[in-house]
């Protein structure tokens, strides 16, 4: 979170990406976020492969 320098105004959600079920009851769930500018990010871990 420290490396996020900008957040866009284009928040959007993917409707109905899945269903959460508990005790026989279900509710649709989705995911979404605005465009982000991230200055630095580690992908895949930090362990060096020899």
N, C-alpha and C. Protein backbone atom coordinates (compact mmCIF):
# COMPACT_ATOMS: atom_id res chain seq x y z
N UNK A 1 0.81 -1.19 0.00
CA UNK A 1 0.00 0.00 0.00
C UNK A 1 0.86 1.26 0.00
N UNK A 2 2.07 1.18 0.49
CA UNK A 2 2.94 2.35 0.53
C UNK A 2 3.35 2.80 -0.87
N UNK A 3 3.37 1.87 -1.82
CA UNK A 3 3.86 2.18 -3.16
C UNK A 3 2.75 2.60 -4.13
N UNK A 4 1.50 2.73 -3.68
CA UNK A 4 0.43 3.23 -4.53
C UNK A 4 0.51 4.75 -4.55
N UNK A 5 0.72 5.31 -5.75
CA UNK A 5 0.87 6.76 -5.84
C UNK A 5 -0.35 7.45 -6.46
N UNK A 6 -1.19 6.70 -7.18
CA UNK A 6 -2.38 7.30 -7.79
C UNK A 6 -3.52 6.27 -7.80
N UNK A 7 -4.74 6.78 -7.66
CA UNK A 7 -5.94 5.95 -7.73
C UNK A 7 -6.88 6.60 -8.73
N UNK A 8 -7.32 5.83 -9.73
CA UNK A 8 -8.20 6.35 -10.76
C UNK A 8 -9.62 6.55 -10.27
N UNK A 9 -10.42 7.24 -11.08
CA UNK A 9 -11.83 7.46 -10.74
C UNK A 9 -12.74 6.53 -11.55
N UNK A 10 -12.22 5.34 -11.90
CA UNK A 10 -12.94 4.40 -12.76
C UNK A 10 -13.34 3.11 -12.04
N UNK A 11 -13.75 3.23 -10.78
CA UNK A 11 -14.16 2.06 -10.00
C UNK A 11 -15.25 1.29 -10.73
N UNK A 12 -15.05 -0.01 -10.88
CA UNK A 12 -16.07 -0.86 -11.49
C UNK A 12 -16.04 -2.23 -10.85
N UNK A 13 -17.16 -2.94 -10.93
CA UNK A 13 -17.30 -4.26 -10.34
C UNK A 13 -17.69 -5.27 -11.41
N UNK A 14 -17.23 -6.50 -11.25
CA UNK A 14 -17.63 -7.60 -12.09
C UNK A 14 -18.80 -8.28 -11.39
N UNK A 15 -20.00 -8.04 -11.85
CA UNK A 15 -21.20 -8.55 -11.19
C UNK A 15 -21.32 -10.06 -11.32
N UNK A 16 -21.70 -10.69 -10.22
CA UNK A 16 -22.00 -12.11 -10.24
C UNK A 16 -20.83 -13.02 -10.56
N UNK A 17 -19.64 -12.67 -10.09
CA UNK A 17 -18.48 -13.51 -10.39
C UNK A 17 -18.55 -14.83 -9.63
N UNK A 18 -19.31 -14.88 -8.56
CA UNK A 18 -19.42 -16.11 -7.79
C UNK A 18 -20.58 -16.07 -6.83
N UNK A 19 -20.72 -17.14 -6.07
CA UNK A 19 -21.80 -17.23 -5.09
C UNK A 19 -21.20 -17.71 -3.78
N UNK A 20 -21.54 -17.04 -2.69
CA UNK A 20 -21.15 -17.44 -1.35
C UNK A 20 -22.32 -18.20 -0.76
N UNK A 21 -22.07 -19.42 -0.27
CA UNK A 21 -23.14 -20.25 0.29
C UNK A 21 -22.78 -20.62 1.73
N UNK A 22 -23.75 -20.41 2.64
CA UNK A 22 -23.57 -20.79 4.04
C UNK A 22 -24.93 -21.18 4.60
N UNK A 23 -24.97 -22.30 5.28
CA UNK A 23 -26.20 -22.79 5.90
C UNK A 23 -27.36 -22.85 4.91
N UNK A 24 -27.07 -23.26 3.68
CA UNK A 24 -28.11 -23.42 2.68
C UNK A 24 -28.58 -22.12 2.05
N UNK A 25 -28.02 -20.99 2.44
CA UNK A 25 -28.40 -19.71 1.86
C UNK A 25 -27.27 -19.23 0.97
N UNK A 26 -27.61 -18.56 -0.13
CA UNK A 26 -26.59 -18.09 -1.05
C UNK A 26 -26.75 -16.60 -1.32
N UNK A 27 -25.64 -15.97 -1.64
CA UNK A 27 -25.63 -14.55 -1.99
C UNK A 27 -24.59 -14.34 -3.09
N UNK A 28 -24.92 -13.58 -4.13
CA UNK A 28 -23.92 -13.33 -5.18
C UNK A 28 -22.82 -12.40 -4.66
N UNK A 29 -21.60 -12.66 -5.08
CA UNK A 29 -20.46 -11.83 -4.71
C UNK A 29 -19.74 -11.37 -5.97
N UNK A 30 -19.00 -10.29 -5.85
CA UNK A 30 -18.26 -9.76 -7.00
C UNK A 30 -16.94 -9.17 -6.53
N UNK A 31 -16.12 -8.80 -7.49
CA UNK A 31 -14.84 -8.16 -7.20
C UNK A 31 -14.71 -6.91 -8.05
N UNK A 32 -13.91 -5.97 -7.58
CA UNK A 32 -13.69 -4.76 -8.37
C UNK A 32 -12.73 -3.82 -7.68
N UNK A 33 -12.19 -2.92 -8.47
CA UNK A 33 -11.31 -1.89 -7.95
C UNK A 33 -11.05 -0.87 -9.05
N UNK A 34 -10.60 0.32 -8.67
CA UNK A 34 -10.22 1.31 -9.68
C UNK A 34 -8.83 1.00 -10.23
N UNK A 35 -8.45 1.68 -11.28
CA UNK A 35 -7.10 1.59 -11.81
C UNK A 35 -6.13 2.18 -10.78
N UNK A 36 -5.00 1.50 -10.57
CA UNK A 36 -4.00 1.96 -9.61
C UNK A 36 -2.67 2.19 -10.30
N UNK A 37 -1.91 3.17 -9.84
CA UNK A 37 -0.52 3.34 -10.25
C UNK A 37 0.34 2.89 -9.08
N UNK A 38 1.09 1.81 -9.29
CA UNK A 38 1.94 1.25 -8.25
C UNK A 38 3.38 1.47 -8.67
N UNK A 39 4.14 2.18 -7.84
CA UNK A 39 5.52 2.54 -8.18
C UNK A 39 6.48 1.35 -8.15
N UNK A 40 6.30 0.45 -7.19
CA UNK A 40 7.20 -0.69 -7.04
C UNK A 40 6.41 -1.86 -6.48
N UNK A 41 6.68 -3.09 -7.05
CA UNK A 41 5.93 -4.25 -6.60
C UNK A 41 6.77 -5.51 -6.80
N UNK A 42 6.76 -6.40 -5.81
CA UNK A 42 7.43 -7.69 -5.94
C UNK A 42 6.40 -8.72 -6.35
N UNK A 43 6.69 -9.44 -7.44
CA UNK A 43 5.79 -10.49 -7.93
C UNK A 43 6.54 -11.81 -7.88
N UNK A 44 5.99 -12.80 -7.20
CA UNK A 44 6.61 -14.12 -7.19
C UNK A 44 7.54 -14.38 -6.02
N UNK A 45 7.59 -13.51 -5.04
CA UNK A 45 8.41 -13.75 -3.86
C UNK A 45 9.76 -13.06 -3.92
N UNK A 46 10.57 -13.30 -2.89
CA UNK A 46 11.87 -12.63 -2.78
C UNK A 46 13.04 -13.61 -2.70
N UNK A 47 12.77 -14.93 -2.67
CA UNK A 47 13.84 -15.92 -2.57
C UNK A 47 14.59 -16.01 -3.89
N UNK A 48 15.93 -15.95 -3.82
CA UNK A 48 16.75 -16.04 -5.02
C UNK A 48 16.87 -17.50 -5.45
N UNK A 49 16.71 -17.73 -6.74
CA UNK A 49 16.84 -19.07 -7.30
C UNK A 49 18.25 -19.21 -7.87
N UNK A 50 18.97 -20.26 -7.44
CA UNK A 50 20.36 -20.42 -7.91
C UNK A 50 20.45 -21.36 -9.09
